[in-house]
Amino acid sequence: MYIALILAEEKVYILATNDFNVLAFTSLEKAISYFEDSYNCNHNRGYEASMSACLNFITYQPSVIKVENIEDIKNSVAAVEPKCVQLSHVSGFIKCITTRDKAIELWNKGKKPSLIKKVK
């Protein structure tokens, strides 16, 4: 199972669904595609949508990590007393769950989506 950690406001959060459940993915590829496909869809819609997508990605920086199960999230990633939060920015909002201090280490080790493809 894979989850996305979000670096925002100098803190790390677990990406959540609209009803504040952990958003989990069955593969690394599906997790990365979640961000890349959304970015590309918005980027291709026009100038304003493209700028919002860029700002959103800068504001809410994702990193995908592998976890064994929900207990692994509870015992090593989520805060001891997790809180559900909604972070808002001019480019949109995101729902998250608070994490432990060591989550920054996990965020650093995770796989980051590649939104802008390098041209050779």
Protein backbone atom coordinates (compact mmCIF):
# COMPACT_ATOMS: atom_id res chain seq x y z
CA MET A 1 0.00 0.00 0.00
CA TYR A 2 1.20 3.51 -0.80
CA ILE A 3 0.23 6.85 0.69
CA ALA A 4 1.10 10.43 -0.15
CA LEU A 5 2.75 12.72 2.32
CA ILE A 6 2.23 16.42 1.66
CA LEU A 7 4.76 19.08 2.61
CA ALA A 8 2.88 22.31 3.24
CA GLU A 9 3.34 25.26 5.57
CA GLU A 10 6.65 23.75 6.75
CA LYS A 11 4.86 20.63 8.06
CA VAL A 12 4.17 17.17 6.68
CA TYR A 13 0.65 15.76 6.41
CA ILE A 14 -0.96 12.55 5.16
CA LEU A 15 -3.18 13.15 2.13
CA ALA A 16 -6.80 12.35 2.97
CA THR A 17 -10.08 11.88 1.15
CA ASN A 18 -12.93 14.40 1.43
CA ASP A 19 -14.23 12.51 4.49
CA PHE A 20 -10.76 12.49 6.10
CA ASN A 21 -9.80 8.87 5.49
CA VAL A 22 -6.22 8.14 4.43
CA LEU A 23 -6.03 8.20 0.64
CA ALA A 24 -4.19 4.97 -0.18
CA PHE A 25 -3.01 3.52 -3.49
CA THR A 26 -2.37 -0.08 -4.54
CA SER A 27 0.84 0.74 -6.40
CA LEU A 28 3.53 3.38 -6.64
CA GLU A 29 2.58 4.00 -10.27
CA LYS A 30 -1.07 4.71 -9.36
CA ALA A 31 -0.02 7.09 -6.61
CA ILE A 32 2.35 9.03 -8.87
CA SER A 33 -0.25 9.09 -11.68
CA TYR A 34 -2.81 10.56 -9.28
CA PHE A 35 -0.69 13.74 -9.14
CA GLU A 36 0.79 13.77 -12.64
CA ASP A 37 -2.54 13.13 -14.41
CA SER A 38 -4.34 15.78 -12.38
CA TYR A 39 -1.60 18.32 -13.05
CA ASN A 40 -1.51 17.59 -16.78
CA CYS A 41 -5.31 17.72 -17.08
CA ASN A 42 -5.43 21.15 -15.43
CA HIS A 43 -2.32 22.37 -17.23
CA ASN A 44 -3.90 21.56 -20.61
CA ARG A 45 -7.19 23.36 -19.82
CA GLY A 46 -5.80 26.85 -20.22
CA TYR A 47 -3.66 29.57 -18.70
CA GLU A 48 -5.60 30.11 -15.45
CA ALA A 49 -6.00 26.40 -14.75
CA SER A 50 -2.34 25.87 -15.56
CA MET A 51 -1.23 28.58 -13.12
CA SER A 52 -3.50 27.19 -10.40
CA ALA A 53 -2.07 23.72 -10.97
CA CYS A 54 1.48 25.09 -10.67
CA LEU A 55 0.68 27.05 -7.50
CA ASN A 56 -1.12 24.07 -6.02
CA PHE A 57 1.83 21.77 -6.61
CA ILE A 58 4.27 24.31 -5.13
CA THR A 59 2.03 24.86 -2.09
CA TYR A 60 1.21 21.18 -1.47
CA GLN A 61 4.31 19.16 -2.33
CA PRO A 62 3.59 15.41 -2.53
CA SER A 63 5.91 12.51 -1.80
CA VAL A 64 4.74 8.90 -2.07
CA ILE A 65 5.86 6.30 0.46
CA LYS A 66 5.19 2.61 0.93
CA VAL A 67 3.48 1.44 4.11
CA GLU A 68 2.69 -2.11 5.11
CA ASN A 69 -0.85 -1.55 6.39
CA ILE A 70 -3.10 0.84 8.29
CA GLU A 71 -1.41 -0.11 11.58
CA ASP A 72 1.92 0.98 10.10
CA ILE A 73 0.38 4.40 9.38
CA LYS A 74 -1.10 4.65 12.88
CA ASN A 75 2.08 3.52 14.63
CA SER A 76 4.78 5.29 12.64
CA VAL A 77 3.42 8.07 10.44
CA ALA A 78 0.25 9.64 11.85
CA ALA A 79 0.49 11.90 14.87
CA VAL A 80 -0.05 10.18 18.23
CA GLU A 81 -3.29 12.16 18.45
CA PRO A 82 -4.02 12.79 14.75
CA LYS A 83 -6.13 15.73 13.68
CA CYS A 84 -7.98 16.24 10.43
CA VAL A 85 -7.13 19.54 8.78
CA GLN A 86 -8.13 21.37 5.64
CA LEU A 87 -5.37 23.54 4.22
CA SER A 88 -6.50 26.35 1.94
CA HIS A 89 -4.68 28.47 -0.61
CA VAL A 90 -5.69 30.67 -3.54
CA SER A 91 -5.01 27.67 -5.83
CA GLY A 92 -7.34 25.35 -3.92
CA PHE A 93 -7.54 23.28 -0.77
CA ILE A 94 -6.44 19.89 0.44
CA LYS A 95 -7.63 17.63 3.26
CA CYS A 96 -4.98 15.99 5.39
CA ILE A 97 -4.16 14.22 8.62
CA THR A 98 -1.40 15.44 10.94
CA THR A 99 1.80 13.43 11.32
CA ARG A 100 4.65 12.78 13.74
CA ASP A 101 7.78 14.93 13.60
CA LYS A 102 9.78 12.16 11.89
CA ALA A 103 7.45 12.26 8.89
CA ILE A 104 9.79 14.78 7.24
CA GLU A 105 12.37 11.99 6.98
CA LEU A 106 9.81 9.77 5.27
CA TRP A 107 8.80 12.65 2.96
CA ASN A 108 12.45 13.18 1.99
CA LYS A 109 12.85 9.48 1.12
CA GLY A 110 9.60 9.21 -0.85
CA LYS A 111 9.06 9.29 -4.62
CA LYS A 112 8.13 12.71 -5.98
CA PRO A 113 5.89 13.14 -9.03
CA SER A 114 7.59 14.57 -12.10
CA LEU A 115 5.23 17.15 -13.49
CA ILE A 116 7.46 18.79 -16.05
CA LYS A 117 9.07 16.35 -18.43
CA LYS A 118 12.65 17.08 -19.41
CA VAL A 119 13.25 17.58 -23.12
CA LYS A 120 16.40 16.01 -24.53
